[in-house]
């Protein structure tokens, strides 16, 4: 863990570089610790409710599914609402 006294005039960029390297940085003022800085840990993928295991996203499967559906061509939201309303009348 690197200790940095902020009274020595180091730039913030030096602190960020140290954290990016994986160092934990302790910021000290007049000998007293005022902050501890460490890199942010990536969040794990959310667990599935039933199994508790993480899932990966299959982008190829999503693209295949998307390709099977006709594209929706709508001029405006008003046109979409009118078409949906008129379809219900029949």
Protein backbone atom coordinates (compact mmCIF):
# COMPACT_ATOMS: atom_id res chain seq x y z
CA UNK A 1 0.00 0.00 0.00
CA UNK A 2 1.42 3.34 -1.05
CA UNK A 3 1.29 6.28 1.35
CA UNK A 4 1.07 9.72 -0.15
CA UNK A 5 1.24 12.92 1.85
CA UNK A 6 -0.92 15.46 0.04
CA UNK A 7 1.20 18.30 1.35
CA UNK A 8 4.05 17.21 -0.94
CA UNK A 9 2.20 18.58 -3.99
CA UNK A 10 1.80 15.36 -6.01
CA UNK A 11 -0.68 15.55 -8.80
CA UNK A 12 -3.96 13.67 -8.82
CA UNK A 13 -2.83 11.91 -12.01
CA UNK A 14 -0.07 10.21 -10.02
CA UNK A 15 -2.67 8.88 -7.59
CA UNK A 16 -4.88 7.61 -10.39
CA UNK A 17 -1.95 5.89 -12.10
CA UNK A 18 -1.04 4.12 -8.87
CA UNK A 19 -4.61 2.91 -8.41
CA UNK A 20 -4.81 1.78 -12.04
CA UNK A 21 -1.73 -0.36 -11.44
CA UNK A 22 -3.64 -2.06 -8.66
CA UNK A 23 -1.98 -0.26 -5.76
CA UNK A 24 -4.00 0.87 -2.78
CA UNK A 25 -3.18 4.48 -1.96
CA UNK A 26 -3.43 6.02 1.49
CA UNK A 27 -3.72 9.80 1.48
CA UNK A 28 -2.17 11.43 4.53
CA UNK A 29 -2.33 15.01 5.77
CA UNK A 30 -0.05 16.06 8.61
CA UNK A 31 0.59 12.40 9.42
CA UNK A 32 -3.09 11.49 9.72
CA UNK A 33 -4.81 9.21 7.21
CA UNK A 34 -7.62 11.11 5.49
CA UNK A 35 -8.51 8.64 2.71
CA UNK A 36 -7.77 5.22 1.28
CA UNK A 37 -8.15 4.77 -2.46
CA UNK A 38 -8.26 1.44 -4.29
CA UNK A 39 -9.39 0.32 -7.71
CA UNK A 40 -13.04 -0.46 -8.16
CA UNK A 41 -13.72 -4.17 -8.40
CA UNK A 42 -15.80 -5.22 -11.41
CA UNK A 43 -19.30 -6.35 -10.52
CA UNK A 44 -19.96 -10.03 -11.15
CA UNK A 45 -22.76 -11.04 -13.49
CA UNK A 46 -26.09 -11.27 -11.71
CA UNK A 47 -27.04 -14.71 -10.47
CA UNK A 48 -30.10 -16.47 -11.79
CA UNK A 49 -32.88 -16.65 -9.21
CA UNK A 50 -33.31 -20.42 -9.38
CA UNK A 51 -29.78 -21.78 -9.56
CA UNK A 52 -27.72 -18.93 -8.14
CA UNK A 53 -25.27 -19.37 -11.01
CA UNK A 54 -24.16 -16.57 -13.31
CA UNK A 55 -25.17 -16.64 -16.95
CA UNK A 56 -23.39 -15.44 -20.04
CA UNK A 57 -25.25 -13.63 -22.79
CA UNK A 58 -25.28 -15.41 -26.15
CA UNK A 59 -25.18 -12.52 -28.62
CA UNK A 60 -25.39 -14.82 -31.64
CA UNK A 61 -28.65 -16.29 -30.32
CA UNK A 62 -30.05 -12.81 -29.78
CA UNK A 63 -29.12 -11.80 -33.34
CA UNK A 64 -30.75 -14.97 -34.72
CA UNK A 65 -33.92 -14.31 -32.76
CA UNK A 66 -34.00 -10.70 -33.92
CA UNK A 67 -33.53 -11.77 -37.56
CA UNK A 68 -36.60 -14.06 -37.38
CA UNK A 69 -38.95 -11.17 -36.63
CA UNK A 70 -40.00 -8.71 -39.33
CA UNK A 71 -38.78 -5.22 -38.75
CA UNK A 72 -41.40 -2.79 -37.54
CA UNK A 73 -41.64 0.29 -39.72
CA UNK A 74 -43.56 3.08 -38.04
CA UNK A 75 -43.74 6.70 -39.12
CA UNK A 76 -44.72 7.96 -35.69
CA UNK A 77 -46.11 6.90 -32.36
CA UNK A 78 -49.48 8.33 -33.36
CA UNK A 79 -49.54 6.12 -36.47
CA UNK A 80 -48.72 3.07 -34.37
CA UNK A 81 -51.52 3.82 -31.90
CA UNK A 82 -54.03 4.38 -34.72
CA UNK A 83 -53.07 1.11 -36.40
CA UNK A 84 -53.32 -0.82 -33.14
CA UNK A 85 -56.72 0.76 -32.38
CA UNK A 86 -58.05 0.04 -35.87
CA UNK A 87 -56.88 -3.58 -35.73
CA UNK A 88 -58.91 -4.08 -32.55
CA UNK A 89 -62.08 -2.86 -34.32
CA UNK A 90 -62.02 -5.75 -36.80
